[in-house]
Amino acid sequence: MGQPICRHLLKAGYALDVYDKDPTKISALVSEGASAGISAGELAGKCDLIISMVWDDDGLRDVVLGPTGVLTGVRTGISYIDMSTVSPKVSEEIAAQLARHDIPYLRAPVSGSVPVAEAGKLTIYASGPRILFDSCQEILKAFSTKQTYVGTKEEGRIVKLAINLILQMSTAILGEVLAFGARAGVDRSTLMDAINDSIVASPHYAVRSKSIKQRDLAFTVRWASPKDLEIAMSVAKETGAIMPIASLVQQYIRIITNRPMPQNGFTALTTLMEDINPVAAEDLASRLPGS
């Protein structure tokens, strides 16, 4: 996700310094005009705006608080934007540490896949200082089509978790519906097309329709790991929210990620119910209503 964002920033004419613990991940960007940094702290020492995107809470802690993190290069006048999907709790910890150094901090997680990022059509849900959000509009517009300000603290994190909850729960629902159709003799592709042409159609279903029809388990998307749901369920526990559907889907995802050959993609979640409800081809006719 970070690479296409960087490419759009370069295309928009911004001077860009990039850093990753794995130098191979930024080599292409350097060949396209970016400058390679040696650490997050070094970038903080010379850049006015730091933008990070990491996988999890530990990654965010490391990029800000680590031995070569942003705070090791702290200076007056820098601002910090994090676009990761992480827990509000850890984001609050980061906010407190940055505040001690008077560094404005915008939480700006994004919604969209890598192809969406490559097209420059991400959606951003931002929270933190409104003045920082407003001042960075042109930068954010370089790689996104919608930028929504949702609050002054960790609201951006909550909104992103809420959207991911819908993605994962609706995926599980789709898998159950496809299994229902298969047991009744309806072709998977036919039912998928009908869904995409109906009132319940969504871009989420449409963009992955081909892989779902073909049961393409090679089409893996990392969001189906337990991480995001576990963060959301932790927030639910802290706030007293009762989440029975999300709890069930969390168990589904644990099943598919703990198989002998783990599958962490969208298609795996849509085939789980068919695995539980297998239908042999010769049995389909006998399962049709009225037969």
C-alpha atoms as a PDB file:
ATOM      1  CA  MET A   1       0.000   0.000   0.000  1.00  0.00           C
ATOM      2  CA  GLY A   2       2.839   2.394   0.808  1.00  0.00           C
ATOM      3  CA  GLN A   3       4.512   2.095  -2.595  1.00  0.00           C
ATOM      4  CA  PRO A   4       1.562   3.321  -4.691  1.00  0.00           C
ATOM      5  CA  ILE A   5       0.980   6.170  -2.237  1.00  0.00           C
ATOM      6  CA  CYS A   6       4.599   7.217  -2.646  1.00  0.00           C
ATOM      7  CA  ARG A   7       4.353   7.015  -6.433  1.00  0.00           C
ATOM      8  CA  HIS A   8       1.370   9.359  -6.453  1.00  0.00           C
ATOM      9  CA  LEU A   9       3.246  11.814  -4.245  1.00  0.00           C
ATOM     10  CA  LEU A  10       6.218  11.740  -6.619  1.00  0.00           C
ATOM     11  CA  LYS A  11       3.897  12.196  -9.598  1.00  0.00           C
ATOM     12  CA  ALA A  12       2.362  15.228  -7.857  1.00  0.00           C
ATOM     13  CA  GLY A  13       5.828  16.784  -7.622  1.00  0.00           C
ATOM     14  CA  TYR A  14       6.585  16.375  -3.931  1.00  0.00           C
ATOM     15  CA  ALA A  15      10.173  15.870  -2.751  1.00  0.00           C
ATOM     16  CA  LEU A  16      10.057  12.462  -1.098  1.00  0.00           C
ATOM     17  CA  ASP A  17      12.389  10.664   1.284  1.00  0.00           C
ATOM     18  CA  VAL A  18      11.464   7.031   1.968  1.00  0.00           C
ATOM     19  CA  TYR A  19      12.512   4.434   4.512  1.00  0.00           C
ATOM     20  CA  ASP A  20      11.740   0.757   5.118  1.00  0.00           C
ATOM     21  CA  LYS A  21      13.524  -1.784   7.278  1.00  0.00           C
ATOM     22  CA  ASP A  22      13.771  -3.866   4.106  1.00  0.00           C
ATOM     23  CA  PRO A  23      15.728  -1.709   1.609  1.00  0.00           C
ATOM     24  CA  THR A  24      14.495  -3.811  -1.319  1.00  0.00           C
ATOM     25  CA  LYS A  25      10.995  -2.447  -0.741  1.00  0.00           C
ATOM     26  CA  ILE A  26      12.082   1.113  -1.551  1.00  0.00           C
ATOM     27  CA  SER A  27      14.645   0.469  -4.295  1.00  0.00           C
ATOM     28  CA  ALA A  28      12.065   0.933  -7.059  1.00  0.00           C
ATOM     29  CA  LEU A  29      10.896   4.219  -5.514  1.00  0.00           C
ATOM     30  CA  VAL A  30      14.467   5.470  -5.346  1.00  0.00           C
ATOM     31  CA  SER A  31      14.901   4.665  -9.034  1.00  0.00           C
ATOM     32  CA  GLU A  32      11.753   6.714  -9.695  1.00  0.00           C
ATOM     33  CA  GLY A  33      13.012   9.828  -7.917  1.00  0.00           C
ATOM     34  CA  ALA A  34      12.678   9.329  -4.166  1.00  0.00           C
ATOM     35  CA  SER A  35      15.620   9.627  -1.787  1.00  0.00           C
ATOM     36  CA  ALA A  36      16.453   6.701   0.494  1.00  0.00           C
ATOM     37  CA  GLY A  37      16.565   7.334   4.228  1.00  0.00           C
ATOM     38  CA  ILE A  38      18.488   5.242   6.746  1.00  0.00           C
ATOM     39  CA  SER A  39      15.914   5.456   9.545  1.00  0.00           C
ATOM     40  CA  ALA A  40      12.622   7.059  10.557  1.00  0.00           C
ATOM     41  CA  GLY A  41      14.596   9.275  12.928  1.00  0.00           C
ATOM     42  CA  GLU A  42      16.808  10.522  10.115  1.00  0.00           C
ATOM     43  CA  LEU A  43      13.745  11.434   8.062  1.00  0.00           C
ATOM     44  CA  ALA A  44      12.269  13.288  11.037  1.00  0.00           C
ATOM     45  CA  GLY A  45      15.482  15.276  11.241  1.00  0.00           C
ATOM     46  CA  LYS A  46      15.096  16.723   7.757  1.00  0.00           C
ATOM     47  CA  CYS A  47      11.470  16.391   6.597  1.00  0.00           C
ATOM     48  CA  ASP A  48       8.614  18.707   7.543  1.00  0.00           C
ATOM     49  CA  LEU A  49       5.972  15.976   7.309  1.00  0.00           C
ATOM     50  CA  ILE A  50       6.364  12.301   8.239  1.00  0.00           C
ATOM     51  CA  ILE A  51       3.811   9.785   6.905  1.00  0.00           C
ATOM     52  CA  SER A  52       3.871   6.174   8.066  1.00  0.00           C
ATOM     53  CA  MET A  53       1.985   3.028   7.130  1.00  0.00           C
ATOM     54  CA  VAL A  54       2.804  -0.122   9.103  1.00  0.00           C
ATOM     55  CA  TRP A  55       1.141  -3.476   9.704  1.00  0.00           C
ATOM     56  CA  ASP A  56       0.387  -3.466  13.438  1.00  0.00           C
ATOM     57  CA  ASP A  57       0.741  -1.875  16.868  1.00  0.00           C
ATOM     58  CA  ASP A  58       4.322  -3.049  17.302  1.00  0.00           C
ATOM     59  CA  GLY A  59       5.231  -1.497  13.973  1.00  0.00           C
ATOM     60  CA  LEU A  60       3.775   1.868  14.983  1.00  0.00           C
ATOM     61  CA  ARG A  61       5.557   1.809  18.330  1.00  0.00           C
ATOM     62  CA  ASP A  62       8.827   0.981  16.596  1.00  0.00           C
ATOM     63  CA  VAL A  63       8.573   3.663  13.913  1.00  0.00           C
ATOM     64  CA  VAL A  64       7.875   6.370  16.506  1.00  0.00           C
ATOM     65  CA  LEU A  65       9.405   5.181  19.790  1.00  0.00           C
ATOM     66  CA  GLY A  66      12.052   2.709  18.600  1.00  0.00           C
ATOM     67  CA  PRO A  67      15.823   3.210  18.867  1.00  0.00           C
ATOM     68  CA  THR A  68      15.896   4.811  15.402  1.00  0.00           C
ATOM     69  CA  GLY A  69      12.290   6.051  15.448  1.00  0.00           C
ATOM     70  CA  VAL A  70      10.782   9.434  14.701  1.00  0.00           C
ATOM     71  CA  LEU A  71      11.414  10.781  18.205  1.00  0.00           C
ATOM     72  CA  THR A  72      15.165  10.274  17.855  1.00  0.00           C
ATOM     73  CA  GLY A  73      15.191  12.950  15.151  1.00  0.00           C
ATOM     74  CA  VAL A  74      12.613  15.246  16.686  1.00  0.00           C
ATOM     75  CA  ARG A  75      12.867  18.943  15.915  1.00  0.00           C
ATOM     76  CA  THR A  76      10.632  21.994  15.867  1.00  0.00           C
ATOM     77  CA  GLY A  77       8.155  22.310  13.037  1.00  0.00           C
ATOM     78  CA  ILE A  78       7.531  18.712  11.995  1.00  0.00           C
ATOM     79  CA  SER A  79       4.125  17.029  11.774  1.00  0.00           C
ATOM     80  CA  TYR A  80       3.243  13.348  11.773  1.00  0.00           C
ATOM     81  CA  ILE A  81       0.527  11.387   9.949  1.00  0.00           C
ATOM     82  CA  ASP A  82      -0.022   7.670  10.459  1.00  0.00           C
ATOM     83  CA  MET A  83      -2.198   5.805   7.945  1.00  0.00           C
ATOM     84  CA  SER A  84      -2.055   2.329   9.502  1.00  0.00           C
ATOM     85  CA  THR A  85      -4.855   0.171  10.867  1.00  0.00           C
ATOM     86  CA  VAL A  86      -3.852  -0.100  14.520  1.00  0.00           C
ATOM     87  CA  SER A  87      -5.525  -0.108  17.911  1.00  0.00           C
ATOM     88  CA  PRO A  88      -6.865   3.140  19.391  1.00  0.00           C
ATOM     89  CA  LYS A  89      -5.078   2.256  22.639  1.00  0.00           C
ATOM     90  CA  VAL A  90      -1.608   2.204  21.092  1.00  0.00           C
ATOM     91  CA  SER A  91      -2.458   5.232  18.963  1.00  0.00           C
ATOM     92  CA  GLU A  92      -3.264   7.082  22.199  1.00  0.00           C
ATOM     93  CA  GLU A  93       0.155   6.093  23.564  1.00  0.00           C
ATOM     94  CA  ILE A  94       1.810   7.492  20.461  1.00  0.00           C
ATOM     95  CA  ALA A  95      -0.272  10.680  20.694  1.00  0.00           C
ATOM     96  CA  ALA A  96       0.882  11.247  24.274  1.00  0.00           C
ATOM     97  CA  GLN A  97       4.554  10.812  23.376  1.00  0.00           C
ATOM     98  CA  LEU A  98       4.307  13.082  20.345  1.00  0.00           C
ATOM     99  CA  ALA A  99       2.468  15.720  22.373  1.00  0.00           C
ATOM    100  CA  ARG A 100       5.394  15.860  24.810  1.00  0.00           C
ATOM    101  CA  HIS A 101       7.481  17.096  21.885  1.00  0.00           C
ATOM    102  CA  ASP A 102       4.760  19.382  20.452  1.00  0.00           C
ATOM    103  CA  ILE A 103       4.431  17.277  17.289  1.00  0.00           C
ATOM    104  CA  PRO A 104       0.962  17.500  15.699  1.00  0.00           C
ATOM    105  CA  TYR A 105      -0.379  13.993  15.038  1.00  0.00           C
ATOM    106  CA  LEU A 106      -3.050  13.074  12.504  1.00  0.00           C
ATOM    107  CA  ARG A 107      -4.530   9.577  12.522  1.00  0.00           C
ATOM    108  CA  ALA A 108      -5.505   8.943   8.899  1.00  0.00           C
ATOM    109  CA  PRO A 109      -6.214   5.247   8.193  1.00  0.00           C
ATOM    110  CA  VAL A 110      -7.291   4.434   4.657  1.00  0.00           C
ATOM    111  CA  SER A 111      -9.943   2.259   3.070  1.00  0.00           C
ATOM    112  CA  GLY A 112      -9.137   0.497  -0.178  1.00  0.00           C
ATOM    113  CA  SER A 113      -7.082  -2.308  -1.693  1.00  0.00           C
ATOM    114  CA  VAL A 114      -3.680  -2.094  -3.375  1.00  0.00           C
ATOM    115  CA  PRO A 115      -5.315  -1.703  -6.829  1.00  0.00           C
ATOM    116  CA  VAL A 116      -7.407   1.149  -5.405  1.00  0.00           C
ATOM    117  CA  ALA A 117      -4.228   2.737  -4.021  1.00  0.00           C
ATOM    118  CA  GLU A 118      -2.545   2.332  -7.415  1.00  0.00           C
ATOM    119  CA  ALA A 119      -5.466   4.184  -8.989  1.00  0.00           C
ATOM    120  CA  GLY A 120      -5.142   6.994  -6.431  1.00  0.00           C
ATOM    121  CA  LYS A 121      -8.666   6.393  -5.168  1.00  0.00           C
ATOM    122  CA  LEU A 122      -8.198   5.595  -1.478  1.00  0.00           C
ATOM    123  CA  THR A 123     -10.619   6.938   1.129  1.00  0.00           C
ATOM    124  CA  ILE A 124      -9.166   8.555   4.248  1.00  0.00           C
ATOM    125  CA  TYR A 125     -10.793   8.835   7.683  1.00  0.00           C
ATOM    126  CA  ALA A 126      -8.817  11.354   9.700  1.00  0.00           C
ATOM    127  CA  SER A 127      -8.847  12.460  13.304  1.00  0.00           C
ATOM    128  CA  GLY A 128      -6.568  14.693  15.310  1.00  0.00           C
ATOM    129  CA  PRO A 129      -5.787  18.403  14.882  1.00  0.00           C
ATOM    130  CA  ARG A 130      -8.191  19.912  12.379  1.00  0.00           C
ATOM    131  CA  ILE A 131      -5.579  22.479  11.379  1.00  0.00           C
ATOM    132  CA  LEU A 132      -3.182  19.698  10.314  1.00  0.00           C
ATOM    133  CA  PHE A 133      -5.910  17.918   8.364  1.00  0.00           C
ATOM    134  CA  ASP A 134      -6.786  21.132   6.529  1.00  0.00           C
ATOM    135  CA  SER A 135      -3.188  22.086   5.811  1.00  0.00           C
ATOM    136  CA  CYS A 136      -2.424  18.639   4.307  1.00  0.00           C
ATOM    137  CA  GLN A 137      -5.390  18.458   1.963  1.00  0.00           C
ATOM    138  CA  GLU A 138      -3.406  18.782  -1.247  1.00  0.00           C
ATOM    139  CA  ILE A 139      -0.971  16.086  -0.129  1.00  0.00           C
ATOM    140  CA  LEU A 140      -3.791  13.707   0.805  1.00  0.00           C
ATOM    141  CA  LYS A 141      -5.638  14.395  -2.435  1.00  0.00           C
ATOM    142  CA  ALA A 142      -2.578  13.249  -4.376  1.00  0.00           C
ATOM    143  CA  PHE A 143      -3.453   9.629  -3.570  1.00  0.00           C
ATOM    144  CA  SER A 144      -7.076   9.664  -2.394  1.00  0.00           C
ATOM    145  CA  THR A 145     -10.459  10.738  -3.698  1.00  0.00           C
ATOM    146  CA  LYS A 146     -12.217  11.259  -0.378  1.00  0.00           C
ATOM    147  CA  GLN A 147     -10.849  12.736   2.830  1.00  0.00           C
ATOM    148  CA  THR A 148     -13.223  12.810   5.788  1.00  0.00           C
ATOM    149  CA  TYR A 149     -12.475  14.457   9.112  1.00  0.00           C
ATOM    150  CA  VAL A 150     -14.180  12.496  11.898  1.00  0.00           C
ATOM    151  CA  GLY A 151     -12.906  13.897  15.209  1.00  0.00           C
ATOM    152  CA  THR A 152     -10.112  15.247  17.369  1.00  0.00           C
ATOM    153  CA  LYS A 153      -8.743  12.034  18.937  1.00  0.00           C
ATOM    154  CA  GLU A 154      -8.974   8.343  17.932  1.00  0.00           C
ATOM    155  CA  GLU A 155     -12.211   8.486  15.951  1.00  0.00           C
ATOM    156  CA  GLY A 156     -10.381   7.766  12.695  1.00  0.00           C
ATOM    157  CA  ARG A 157      -9.168   4.459  14.118  1.00  0.00           C
ATOM    158  CA  ILE A 158     -12.686   3.498  15.200  1.00  0.00           C
ATOM    159  CA  VAL A 159     -14.226   4.363  11.825  1.00  0.00           C
ATOM    160  CA  LYS A 160     -11.636   2.247   9.998  1.00  0.00           C
ATOM    161  CA  LEU A 161     -12.228  -0.700  12.345  1.00  0.00           C
ATOM    162  CA  ALA A 162     -15.981  -0.345  11.807  1.00  0.00           C
ATOM    163  CA  ILE A 163     -15.547  -0.513   8.038  1.00  0.00           C
ATOM    164  CA  ASN A 164     -13.303  -3.565   8.312  1.00  0.00           C
ATOM    165  CA  LEU A 165     -15.911  -5.215  10.538  1.00  0.00           C
ATOM    166  CA  ILE A 166     -18.505  -4.738   7.804  1.00  0.00           C
ATOM    167  CA  LEU A 167     -16.119  -6.117   5.172  1.00  0.00           C
ATOM    168  CA  GLN A 168     -15.419  -9.251   7.172  1.00  0.00           C
ATOM    169  CA  MET A 169     -18.985  -9.848   8.366  1.00  0.00           C
ATOM    170  CA  SER A 170     -20.479  -9.274   4.912  1.00  0.00           C
ATOM    171  CA  THR A 171     -17.895 -11.642   3.424  1.00  0.00           C
ATOM    172  CA  ALA A 172     -18.945 -14.374   5.848  1.00  0.00           C
ATOM    173  CA  ILE A 173     -22.593 -13.713   4.983  1.00  0.00           C
ATOM    174  CA  LEU A 174     -21.787 -14.026   1.293  1.00  0.00           C
ATOM    175  CA  GLY A 175     -20.076 -17.373   1.905  1.00  0.00           C
ATOM    176  CA  GLU A 176     -23.106 -18.670   3.767  1.00  0.00           C
ATOM    177  CA  VAL A 177     -25.444 -17.542   0.983  1.00  0.00           C
ATOM    178  CA  LEU A 178     -23.285 -19.213  -1.686  1.00  0.00           C
ATOM    179  CA  ALA A 179     -23.310 -22.441   0.328  1.00  0.00           C
ATOM    180  CA  PHE A 180     -27.100 -22.141   0.659  1.00  0.00           C
ATOM    181  CA  GLY A 181     -27.401 -21.808  -3.116  1.00  0.00           C
ATOM    182  CA  ALA A 182     -25.061 -24.721  -3.769  1.00  0.00           C
ATOM    183  CA  ARG A 183     -27.053 -27.041  -1.496  1.00  0.00           C
ATOM    184  CA  ALA A 184     -30.159 -26.113  -3.473  1.00  0.00           C
ATOM    185  CA  GLY A 185     -28.467 -26.672  -6.837  1.00  0.00           C
ATOM    186  CA  VAL A 186     -27.798 -23.067  -7.893  1.00  0.00           C
ATOM    187  CA  ASP A 187     -24.534 -22.499  -9.748  1.00  0.00           C
ATOM    188  CA  ARG A 188     -22.030 -20.407  -7.774  1.00  0.00           C
ATOM    189  CA  SER A 189     -21.307 -18.056 -10.675  1.00  0.00           C
ATOM    190  CA  THR A 190     -24.996 -17.588 -11.440  1.00  0.00           C
ATOM    191  CA  LEU A 191     -25.768 -16.673  -7.852  1.00  0.00           C
ATOM    192  CA  MET A 192     -22.771 -14.341  -7.639  1.00  0.00           C
ATOM    193  CA  ASP A 193     -23.916 -12.497 -10.772  1.00  0.00           C
ATOM    194  CA  ALA A 194     -27.436 -12.201  -9.353  1.00  0.00           C
ATOM    195  CA  ILE A 195     -26.078 -10.731  -6.126  1.00  0.00           C
ATOM    196  CA  ASN A 196     -23.934  -8.220  -8.030  1.00  0.00           C
ATOM    197  CA  ASP A 197     -27.002  -7.115 -10.015  1.00  0.00           C
ATOM    198  CA  SER A 198     -29.209  -6.732  -6.936  1.00  0.00           C
ATOM    199  CA  ILE A 199     -29.907  -4.193  -4.218  1.00  0.00           C
ATOM    200  CA  VAL A 200     -27.229  -5.818  -2.031  1.00  0.00           C
ATOM    201  CA  ALA A 201     -24.482  -5.347  -4.641  1.00  0.00           C
ATOM    202  CA  SER A 202     -21.304  -3.636  -3.459  1.00  0.00           C
ATOM    203  CA  PRO A 203     -17.898  -2.680  -4.871  1.00  0.00           C
ATOM    204  CA  HIS A 204     -16.431  -5.058  -2.276  1.00  0.00           C
ATOM    205  CA  TYR A 205     -18.204  -8.021  -3.859  1.00  0.00           C
ATOM    206  CA  ALA A 206     -17.796  -6.875  -7.453  1.00  0.00           C
ATOM    207  CA  VAL A 207     -14.035  -6.359  -7.432  1.00  0.00           C
ATOM    208  CA  ARG A 208     -13.469  -9.896  -6.121  1.00  0.00           C
ATOM    209  CA  SER A 209     -16.270 -11.578  -8.049  1.00  0.00           C
ATOM    210  CA  LYS A 210     -14.009 -13.469 -10.457  1.00  0.00           C
ATOM    211  CA  SER A 211     -11.869 -15.014  -7.704  1.00  0.00           C
ATOM    212  CA  ILE A 212     -14.994 -15.961  -5.736  1.00  0.00           C
ATOM    213  CA  LYS A 213     -16.565 -17.680  -8.733  1.00  0.00           C
ATOM    214  CA  GLN A 214     -13.388 -19.611  -9.426  1.00  0.00           C
ATOM    215  CA  ARG A 215     -12.662 -20.343  -5.755  1.00  0.00           C
ATOM    216  CA  ASP A 216      -9.250 -18.832  -6.392  1.00  0.00           C
ATOM    217  CA  LEU A 217      -7.523 -19.310  -3.052  1.00  0.00           C
ATOM    218  CA  ALA A 218      -4.346 -17.808  -4.501  1.00  0.00           C
ATOM    219  CA  PHE A 219      -6.135 -14.454  -4.377  1.00  0.00           C
ATOM    220  CA  THR A 220      -5.220 -13.735  -0.782  1.00  0.00           C
ATOM    221  CA  VAL A 221      -5.842 -10.468   0.998  1.00  0.00           C
ATOM    222  CA  ARG A 222      -4.118  -9.996   4.322  1.00  0.00           C
ATOM    223  CA  TRP A 223      -7.054  -8.183   5.930  1.00  0.00           C
ATOM    224  CA  ALA A 224      -8.632 -11.572   6.525  1.00  0.00           C
ATOM    225  CA  SER A 225      -6.054 -12.267   9.231  1.00  0.00           C
ATOM    226  CA  PRO A 226      -7.380 -12.196  12.796  1.00  0.00           C
ATOM    227  CA  LYS A 227      -5.566  -8.925  13.577  1.00  0.00           C
ATOM    228  CA  ASP A 228      -8.189  -6.337  12.676  1.00  0.00           C
ATOM    229  CA  LEU A 229     -11.067  -8.270  14.210  1.00  0.00           C
ATOM    230  CA  GLU A 230      -9.097  -8.838  17.382  1.00  0.00           C
ATOM    231  CA  ILE A 231      -8.468  -5.102  17.684  1.00  0.00           C
ATOM    232  CA  ALA A 232     -12.156  -4.375  17.134  1.00  0.00           C
ATOM    233  CA  MET A 233     -13.238  -6.996  19.663  1.00  0.00           C
ATOM    234  CA  SER A 234     -10.804  -5.559  22.191  1.00  0.00           C
ATOM    235  CA  VAL A 235     -12.366  -2.128  21.717  1.00  0.00           C
ATOM    236  CA  ALA A 236     -15.825  -3.682  22.063  1.00  0.00           C
ATOM    237  CA  LYS A 237     -14.805  -5.271  25.370  1.00  0.00           C
ATOM    238  CA  GLU A 238     -13.429  -1.977  26.662  1.00  0.00           C
ATOM    239  CA  THR A 239     -16.578  -0.063  25.703  1.00  0.00           C
ATOM    240  CA  GLY A 240     -19.103  -2.741  26.649  1.00  0.00           C
ATOM    241  CA  ALA A 241     -20.358  -3.241  23.087  1.00  0.00           C
ATOM    242  CA  ILE A 242     -22.012  -6.635  22.496  1.00  0.00           C
ATOM    243  CA  MET A 243     -20.872  -8.055  19.118  1.00  0.00           C
ATOM    244  CA  PRO A 244     -22.342 -11.542  18.536  1.00  0.00           C
ATOM    245  CA  ILE A 245     -21.990 -11.546  14.731  1.00  0.00           C
ATOM    246  CA  ALA A 246     -18.433 -10.268  14.833  1.00  0.00           C
ATOM    247  CA  SER A 247     -17.587 -12.896  17.460  1.00  0.00           C
ATOM    248  CA  LEU A 248     -18.826 -15.656  15.160  1.00  0.00           C
ATOM    249  CA  VAL A 249     -16.902 -14.305  12.172  1.00  0.00           C
ATOM    250  CA  GLN A 250     -13.800 -14.101  14.336  1.00  0.00           C
ATOM    251  CA  GLN A 251     -14.091 -17.865  14.854  1.00  0.00           C
ATOM    252  CA  TYR A 252     -14.507 -18.401  11.093  1.00  0.00           C
ATOM    253  CA  ILE A 253     -11.293 -16.491  10.400  1.00  0.00           C
ATOM    254  CA  ARG A 254      -9.439 -18.437  13.057  1.00  0.00           C
ATOM    255  CA  ILE A 255     -10.546 -21.661  11.361  1.00  0.00           C
ATOM    256  CA  ILE A 256      -9.221 -20.677   7.943  1.00  0.00           C
ATOM    257  CA  THR A 257      -5.968 -19.233   9.297  1.00  0.00           C
ATOM    258  CA  ASN A 258      -5.246 -22.300  11.456  1.00  0.00           C
ATOM    259  CA  ARG A 259      -5.682 -24.924   8.757  1.00  0.00           C
ATOM    260  CA  PRO A 260      -2.693 -27.122   7.819  1.00  0.00           C
ATOM    261  CA  MET A 261      -2.309 -24.856   4.774  1.00  0.00           C
ATOM    262  CA  PRO A 262      -3.478 -21.469   6.117  1.00  0.00           C
ATOM    263  CA  GLN A 263      -5.580 -19.329   3.798  1.00  0.00           C
ATOM    264  CA  ASN A 264      -5.951 -15.688   4.717  1.00  0.00           C
ATOM    265  CA  GLY A 265      -7.804 -14.319   1.729  1.00  0.00           C
ATOM    266  CA  PHE A 266     -11.251 -13.167   0.829  1.00  0.00           C
ATOM    267  CA  THR A 267     -12.042 -16.269  -1.225  1.00  0.00           C
ATOM    268  CA  ALA A 268     -11.188 -18.580   1.669  1.00  0.00           C
ATOM    269  CA  LEU A 269     -13.781 -16.863   3.833  1.00  0.00           C
ATOM    270  CA  THR A 270     -16.412 -17.309   1.105  1.00  0.00           C
ATOM    271  CA  THR A 271     -15.677 -21.032   0.712  1.00  0.00           C
ATOM    272  CA  LEU A 272     -15.683 -21.958   4.401  1.00  0.00           C
ATOM    273  CA  MET A 273     -19.416 -22.636   4.557  1.00  0.00           C
ATOM    274  CA  GLU A 274     -19.210 -24.765   1.408  1.00  0.00           C
ATOM    275  CA  ASP A 275     -16.453 -26.778   3.085  1.00  0.00           C
ATOM    276  CA  ILE A 276     -18.774 -27.316   6.046  1.00  0.00           C
ATOM    277  CA  ASN A 277     -21.705 -28.137   3.729  1.00  0.00           C
ATOM    278  CA  PRO A 278     -20.119 -30.198   0.909  1.00  0.00           C
ATOM    279  CA  VAL A 279     -22.285 -31.095  -2.048  1.00  0.00           C
ATOM    280  CA  ALA A 280     -21.282 -33.827  -4.510  1.00  0.00           C
ATOM    281  CA  ALA A 281     -22.181 -33.078  -8.115  1.00  0.00           C
ATOM    282  CA  GLU A 282     -24.317 -36.197  -8.396  1.00  0.00           C
ATOM    283  CA  ASP A 283     -26.352 -35.102  -5.364  1.00  0.00           C
ATOM    284  CA  LEU A 284     -27.336 -31.681  -6.731  1.00  0.00           C
ATOM    285  CA  ALA A 285     -30.456 -32.837  -8.581  1.00  0.00           C
ATOM    286  CA  SER A 286     -31.850 -34.557  -5.523  1.00  0.00           C
ATOM    287  CA  ARG A 287     -31.358 -31.387  -3.466  1.00  0.00           C
ATOM    288  CA  LEU A 288     -33.371 -29.132  -5.749  1.00  0.00           C
ATOM    289  CA  PRO A 289     -36.650 -27.946  -4.192  1.00  0.00           C
ATOM    290  CA  GLY A 290     -39.552 -30.101  -5.338  1.00  0.00           C
ATOM    291  CA  SER A 291     -37.397 -33.016  -6.440  1.00  0.00           C
END
